[in-house]
Amino acid sequence: MKVGEVFTKSWEVQNTGGCAWRVGFTFRHVGGDPMRGEIVTLTEAIPTGAIRNLSVQLVVPSGQSGLVQSAWRMADENGTFFGDTLTVNIVVEGPSQPAATNTP
């Protein structure tokens, strides 16, 4: 991916817990590069057993090349994290190298 490129990462998640994820629960960055992603706040409850997509708009960071990772996790209204940590891995292009030339 190229520095500055904007993309959307979506994860399909299932609430396998014993209670609904309530309005106000958040999906937030917890590790790696945040890639300028913003906190996602639930605007509707997700009942136990329900499957939904969580999406975050991200931007490929500058100043890095190669593998870059960002980690995200659900949190309740008190900020207590729960569930699995979900990650996105991208490969950022390095600076372009000038073409080699043969000098006589």
Protein backbone atom coordinates (compact mmCIF):
# COMPACT_ATOMS: atom_id res chain seq x y z
CA MET A 1 0.00 0.00 0.00
CA LYS A 2 1.11 3.57 -0.56
CA VAL A 3 1.70 6.18 2.14
CA GLY A 4 -1.40 8.32 2.60
CA GLU A 5 -3.72 5.80 0.97
CA VAL A 6 -7.15 5.73 2.64
CA PHE A 7 -8.89 2.37 3.09
CA THR A 8 -11.68 0.82 5.13
CA LYS A 9 -11.05 -2.28 7.21
CA SER A 10 -14.11 -4.34 8.19
CA TRP A 11 -14.30 -7.24 10.60
CA GLU A 12 -17.25 -9.61 10.88
CA VAL A 13 -17.86 -10.09 14.61
CA GLN A 14 -20.27 -12.15 16.65
CA ASN A 15 -21.49 -11.38 20.15
CA THR A 16 -20.90 -14.73 21.86
CA GLY A 17 -21.26 -13.31 25.37
CA GLY A 18 -24.13 -13.58 27.81
CA CYS A 19 -25.56 -10.08 27.28
CA ALA A 20 -26.18 -7.58 24.49
CA TRP A 21 -23.52 -5.07 23.53
CA ARG A 22 -25.33 -1.87 24.46
CA VAL A 23 -25.51 1.46 22.70
CA GLY A 24 -22.40 3.40 23.73
CA PHE A 25 -20.05 0.39 23.68
CA THR A 26 -16.98 1.22 21.61
CA PHE A 27 -14.53 -0.43 19.25
CA ARG A 28 -11.15 1.25 19.72
CA HIS A 29 -7.46 1.12 18.91
CA VAL A 30 -5.39 -0.81 21.50
CA GLY A 31 -2.00 -1.39 19.91
CA GLY A 32 0.30 -0.99 16.96
CA ASP A 33 -0.10 2.00 14.66
CA PRO A 34 -3.52 3.69 14.95
CA MET A 35 -3.43 4.57 11.22
CA ARG A 36 -5.56 7.63 12.09
CA GLY A 37 -8.54 5.39 12.82
CA GLU A 38 -11.28 6.81 15.03
CA ILE A 39 -13.25 5.16 17.81
CA VAL A 40 -16.43 3.46 16.61
CA THR A 41 -19.35 3.91 19.03
CA LEU A 42 -22.30 1.53 18.77
CA THR A 43 -25.54 3.32 17.89
CA GLU A 44 -27.66 0.19 18.20
CA ALA A 45 -27.46 -2.75 20.58
CA ILE A 46 -26.01 -6.02 19.30
CA PRO A 47 -27.87 -8.93 20.92
CA THR A 48 -26.23 -12.15 22.05
CA GLY A 49 -25.54 -14.39 19.06
CA ALA A 50 -25.87 -11.57 16.50
CA ILE A 51 -23.27 -11.09 13.77
CA ARG A 52 -22.34 -7.60 12.58
CA ASN A 53 -19.63 -5.84 10.62
CA LEU A 54 -17.44 -3.30 12.39
CA SER A 55 -15.61 -0.96 10.00
CA VAL A 56 -12.89 1.62 10.55
CA GLN A 57 -11.53 4.06 7.98
CA LEU A 58 -7.72 3.99 8.13
CA VAL A 59 -4.84 5.84 6.45
CA VAL A 60 -1.53 4.23 5.52
CA PRO A 61 1.05 5.88 7.83
CA SER A 62 4.14 7.74 6.66
CA GLY A 63 7.63 7.19 8.01
CA GLN A 64 7.29 3.41 7.95
CA SER A 65 7.73 0.74 5.33
CA GLY A 66 7.17 -2.98 5.33
CA LEU A 67 4.69 -4.68 7.66
CA VAL A 68 2.54 -2.33 9.78
CA GLN A 69 -0.10 -3.62 12.21
CA SER A 70 -3.02 -2.01 14.02
CA ALA A 71 -4.97 -3.74 16.84
CA TRP A 72 -8.57 -2.99 17.89
CA ARG A 73 -10.87 -4.23 20.64
CA MET A 74 -14.39 -3.78 22.03
CA ALA A 75 -14.96 -1.88 25.30
CA ASP A 76 -18.05 -1.38 27.44
CA GLU A 77 -19.38 2.01 28.55
CA ASN A 78 -16.85 2.03 31.43
CA GLY A 79 -13.92 1.52 29.05
CA THR A 80 -13.35 -2.10 30.15
CA PHE A 81 -12.06 -4.12 27.22
CA PHE A 82 -13.55 -7.50 26.38
CA GLY A 83 -13.41 -10.08 23.63
CA ASP A 84 -10.67 -10.84 21.17
CA THR A 85 -8.19 -8.30 19.85
CA LEU A 86 -8.72 -7.84 16.11
CA THR A 87 -5.87 -6.78 13.87
CA VAL A 88 -5.20 -5.39 10.43
CA ASN A 89 -1.83 -6.00 8.77
CA ILE A 90 -0.67 -3.99 5.77
CA VAL A 91 2.57 -3.82 3.81
CA VAL A 92 3.67 -0.25 3.16
CA GLU A 93 5.76 0.46 0.10
CA GLY A 94 9.24 1.75 0.83
CA PRO A 95 10.71 4.82 -0.85
CA SER A 96 11.12 4.28 -4.57
CA GLN A 97 14.65 3.52 -5.70
CA PRO A 98 16.07 5.18 -8.80
CA ALA A 99 16.52 2.85 -11.73
CA ALA A 100 20.03 1.45 -12.10
CA THR A 101 21.97 2.73 -15.09
CA ASN A 102 25.12 1.44 -16.70
CA THR A 103 27.83 4.06 -16.90
CA PRO A 104 30.54 3.44 -19.52
